[in-house]
Amino acid sequence: MRPGLTLREDYDAARLRGVARRTKSAAQGRRLLALAEIYDGGSRTKAACVGGVGLQTIRDWVLRFNAHGPEGLADRQAPGHPGKLNTAQREALAAMVESGPMPAIHGVVRWRLKDLAMWVWEEFRVSVSETTLSRILRALGYRKLSARPRHHAQAAGAVDAFKKRSPSAWTRSRATRGSIATG
């Protein structure tokens, strides 16, 4: 059986517990406390119980800690998929949204997500769904705004004529006597 991995020499259990106390990440604190258990002479199995994980995970934490110190035990951002549009394409999209469509060229009087997705395809040959395009535009700081719809045959003064007017002076109703129930 081969010997286990050793921890860095520049830290000890007390120092790791202090870092765990100051960290704002509960997960990083839990990982640091598990490694502090090993510094105190506890077994890897005991450290796994403290951390609430398996032995393989403890080994992974030791490797990360040895390579990067306490910062190596912090949660990392998952890389995820790269964006469909690069920075230059996003800037061109923002410029197109700002300038607005030209009816003679684009065939629309206002941009819809469907129209912008088609423009992105024609301009960059990148297929982007409306949902993804909405997310991109929101990240660029744009919000969907639309005017409140109005019926085409609505007369300008019809709404004001329809509204009920409140009386200018309210009068108090007379209090009814003897209607208060006694209980």
Protein backbone atom coordinates (compact mmCIF):
# COMPACT_ATOMS: atom_id res chain seq x y z
CA MET A 1 0.00 0.00 0.00
CA ARG A 2 1.44 3.36 -0.98
CA PRO A 3 1.66 6.28 1.45
CA GLY A 4 -0.96 9.05 1.32
CA LEU A 5 -0.35 12.52 0.00
CA THR A 6 1.21 14.92 2.45
CA LEU A 7 -0.13 18.41 3.06
CA ARG A 8 1.84 21.61 2.59
CA GLU A 9 4.34 22.50 5.31
CA ASP A 10 3.56 26.24 5.39
CA TYR A 11 0.14 25.74 7.04
CA ASP A 12 -1.01 24.09 10.24
CA ALA A 13 -4.38 23.19 11.77
CA ALA A 14 -4.79 26.44 13.74
CA ARG A 15 -4.03 28.59 10.70
CA LEU A 16 -6.50 26.63 8.53
CA ARG A 17 -9.22 26.97 11.18
CA GLY A 18 -8.59 30.72 11.26
CA VAL A 19 -8.93 30.96 7.48
CA ALA A 20 -12.09 28.84 7.66
CA ARG A 21 -13.51 31.19 10.29
CA ARG A 22 -12.88 34.27 8.12
CA THR A 23 -14.12 32.89 4.80
CA LYS A 24 -17.58 33.86 3.55
CA SER A 25 -18.02 30.56 1.68
CA ALA A 26 -19.45 27.75 3.80
CA ALA A 27 -18.19 25.12 1.34
CA GLN A 28 -14.64 26.44 1.46
CA GLY A 29 -14.79 26.57 5.28
CA ARG A 30 -15.97 22.95 5.43
CA ARG A 31 -13.10 21.87 3.15
CA LEU A 32 -10.56 23.79 5.24
CA LEU A 33 -11.86 22.23 8.47
CA ALA A 34 -11.59 18.75 6.96
CA LEU A 35 -7.95 19.41 6.06
CA ALA A 36 -7.34 20.87 9.53
CA GLU A 37 -8.41 17.49 10.89
CA ILE A 38 -5.60 15.88 8.89
CA TYR A 39 -3.11 18.46 10.20
CA ASP A 40 -4.17 17.53 13.74
CA GLY A 41 -3.16 13.93 13.05
CA GLY A 42 -6.60 12.56 12.26
CA SER A 43 -7.11 9.95 9.60
CA ARG A 44 -8.35 10.68 6.09
CA THR A 45 -11.52 8.77 6.99
CA LYS A 46 -12.12 11.12 9.94
CA ALA A 47 -11.47 14.12 7.65
CA ALA A 48 -13.99 12.70 5.18
CA CYS A 49 -16.56 12.50 8.00
CA VAL A 50 -15.84 16.12 9.00
CA GLY A 51 -16.18 17.25 5.38
CA GLY A 52 -19.19 15.03 4.71
CA VAL A 53 -17.57 13.50 1.62
CA GLY A 54 -15.72 10.38 0.48
CA LEU A 55 -12.02 9.59 0.57
CA GLN A 56 -11.49 10.36 -3.11
CA THR A 57 -12.91 13.85 -2.60
CA ILE A 58 -10.53 14.40 0.34
CA ARG A 59 -7.65 13.40 -1.94
CA ASP A 60 -8.86 15.90 -4.56
CA TRP A 61 -9.05 18.64 -1.90
CA VAL A 62 -5.49 17.83 -0.76
CA LEU A 63 -4.22 18.14 -4.32
CA ARG A 64 -6.02 21.46 -4.83
CA PHE A 65 -4.82 22.78 -1.47
CA ASN A 66 -1.21 21.76 -2.15
CA ALA A 67 -1.28 23.43 -5.55
CA HIS A 68 -3.15 26.68 -4.75
CA GLY A 69 -3.44 27.00 -0.97
CA PRO A 70 -6.75 27.89 0.73
CA GLU A 71 -7.92 29.75 -2.41
CA GLY A 72 -7.79 26.43 -4.27
CA LEU A 73 -10.61 25.11 -2.08
CA ALA A 74 -13.01 27.92 -3.01
CA ASP A 75 -15.85 27.15 -5.40
CA ARG A 76 -14.81 27.81 -8.96
CA GLN A 77 -16.93 29.11 -11.80
CA ALA A 78 -17.87 26.32 -14.19
CA PRO A 79 -16.57 27.06 -17.67
CA GLY A 80 -19.83 26.31 -19.48
CA HIS A 81 -20.32 26.64 -23.21
CA PRO A 82 -18.63 29.49 -25.02
CA GLY A 83 -20.98 32.24 -26.17
CA LYS A 84 -22.53 32.02 -29.62
CA LEU A 85 -21.51 35.58 -30.46
CA ASN A 86 -18.05 37.01 -29.89
CA THR A 87 -17.41 40.52 -28.57
CA ALA A 88 -17.32 42.17 -32.01
CA GLN A 89 -20.59 40.50 -33.01
CA ARG A 90 -22.25 41.60 -29.76
CA GLU A 91 -21.12 45.18 -30.37
CA ALA A 92 -22.52 45.05 -33.91
CA LEU A 93 -25.81 43.70 -32.55
CA ALA A 94 -25.97 46.51 -29.96
CA ALA A 95 -25.28 49.09 -32.69
CA MET A 96 -28.06 47.62 -34.84
CA VAL A 97 -30.53 47.72 -31.94
CA GLU A 98 -29.56 51.32 -31.16
CA SER A 99 -29.89 52.51 -34.76
CA GLY A 100 -33.21 50.72 -35.24
CA PRO A 101 -34.44 49.02 -38.38
CA MET A 102 -34.78 50.72 -41.73
CA PRO A 103 -38.12 49.62 -43.23
CA ALA A 104 -36.83 49.78 -46.79
CA ILE A 105 -33.83 47.55 -46.02
CA HIS A 106 -34.94 45.33 -43.15
CA GLY A 107 -38.66 45.14 -43.97
CA VAL A 108 -39.77 45.88 -40.39
CA VAL A 109 -40.58 49.05 -38.48
CA ARG A 110 -39.44 47.77 -35.08
CA TRP A 111 -37.11 45.01 -34.00
CA ARG A 112 -38.54 41.76 -32.74
CA LEU A 113 -36.37 38.92 -31.49
CA LYS A 114 -37.29 36.93 -34.57
CA ASP A 115 -36.12 39.74 -36.86
CA LEU A 116 -32.87 40.22 -34.94
CA ALA A 117 -32.17 36.48 -35.04
CA MET A 118 -32.62 36.58 -38.79
CA TRP A 119 -30.32 39.62 -39.03
CA VAL A 120 -27.65 37.80 -36.97
CA TRP A 121 -27.89 34.82 -39.33
CA GLU A 122 -27.64 36.97 -42.46
CA GLU A 123 -24.79 39.06 -41.06
CA PHE A 124 -22.64 36.47 -39.24
CA ARG A 125 -24.04 33.07 -40.32
CA VAL A 126 -24.61 32.20 -36.67
CA SER A 127 -27.89 30.54 -35.74
CA VAL A 128 -29.22 31.99 -32.50
CA SER A 129 -32.58 31.12 -30.93
CA GLU A 130 -34.90 33.86 -29.77
CA THR A 131 -34.38 32.80 -26.15
CA THR A 132 -30.60 33.00 -26.47
CA LEU A 133 -30.83 36.32 -28.27
CA SER A 134 -33.07 37.66 -25.50
CA ARG A 135 -30.47 36.58 -22.92
CA ILE A 136 -27.68 38.25 -24.93
CA LEU A 137 -29.64 41.50 -25.25
CA ARG A 138 -30.45 41.47 -21.53
CA ALA A 139 -26.74 41.02 -20.75
CA LEU A 140 -26.03 44.01 -22.99
CA GLY A 141 -28.42 46.09 -20.86
CA TYR A 142 -31.50 46.10 -23.11
CA ARG A 143 -35.00 45.41 -21.82
CA LYS A 144 -38.10 44.52 -23.73
CA LEU A 145 -40.37 47.53 -23.81
CA SER A 146 -43.54 47.83 -25.80
CA ALA A 147 -46.15 50.52 -25.99
CA ARG A 148 -49.51 49.91 -24.42
CA PRO A 149 -51.87 48.74 -27.16
CA ARG A 150 -54.72 51.00 -28.20
CA HIS A 151 -57.68 50.11 -30.37
CA HIS A 152 -57.36 51.64 -33.83
CA ALA A 153 -60.91 53.05 -33.78
CA GLN A 154 -60.70 54.59 -30.33
CA ALA A 155 -61.52 58.27 -30.27
CA ALA A 156 -59.17 60.52 -28.33
CA GLY A 157 -61.81 61.85 -25.91
CA ALA A 158 -63.76 58.59 -25.52
CA VAL A 159 -61.78 57.43 -22.48
CA ASP A 160 -62.22 60.71 -20.61
CA ALA A 161 -65.95 60.75 -21.35
CA PHE A 162 -66.32 57.19 -20.07
CA LYS A 163 -64.59 57.75 -16.73
CA LYS A 164 -66.90 58.34 -13.81
CA ARG A 165 -66.46 61.57 -11.94
CA SER A 166 -66.39 61.57 -8.17
CA PRO A 167 -68.52 64.16 -6.39
CA SER A 168 -66.48 67.18 -5.47
CA ALA A 169 -67.72 67.30 -1.85
CA TRP A 170 -68.39 64.14 0.03
CA THR A 171 -71.15 64.19 2.60
CA ARG A 172 -71.28 61.98 5.64
CA SER A 173 -74.16 59.59 5.87
CA ARG A 174 -76.28 59.78 8.95
CA ALA A 175 -75.30 57.35 11.68
CA THR A 176 -77.99 54.83 12.45
CA ARG A 177 -78.85 54.61 16.09
CA GLY A 178 -79.44 51.37 17.89
CA SER A 179 -77.81 49.24 15.20
CA ILE A 180 -74.77 48.45 17.30
CA ALA A 181 -75.11 44.93 18.56
CA THR A 182 -74.41 44.31 22.18
CA GLY A 183 -72.73 41.14 23.02
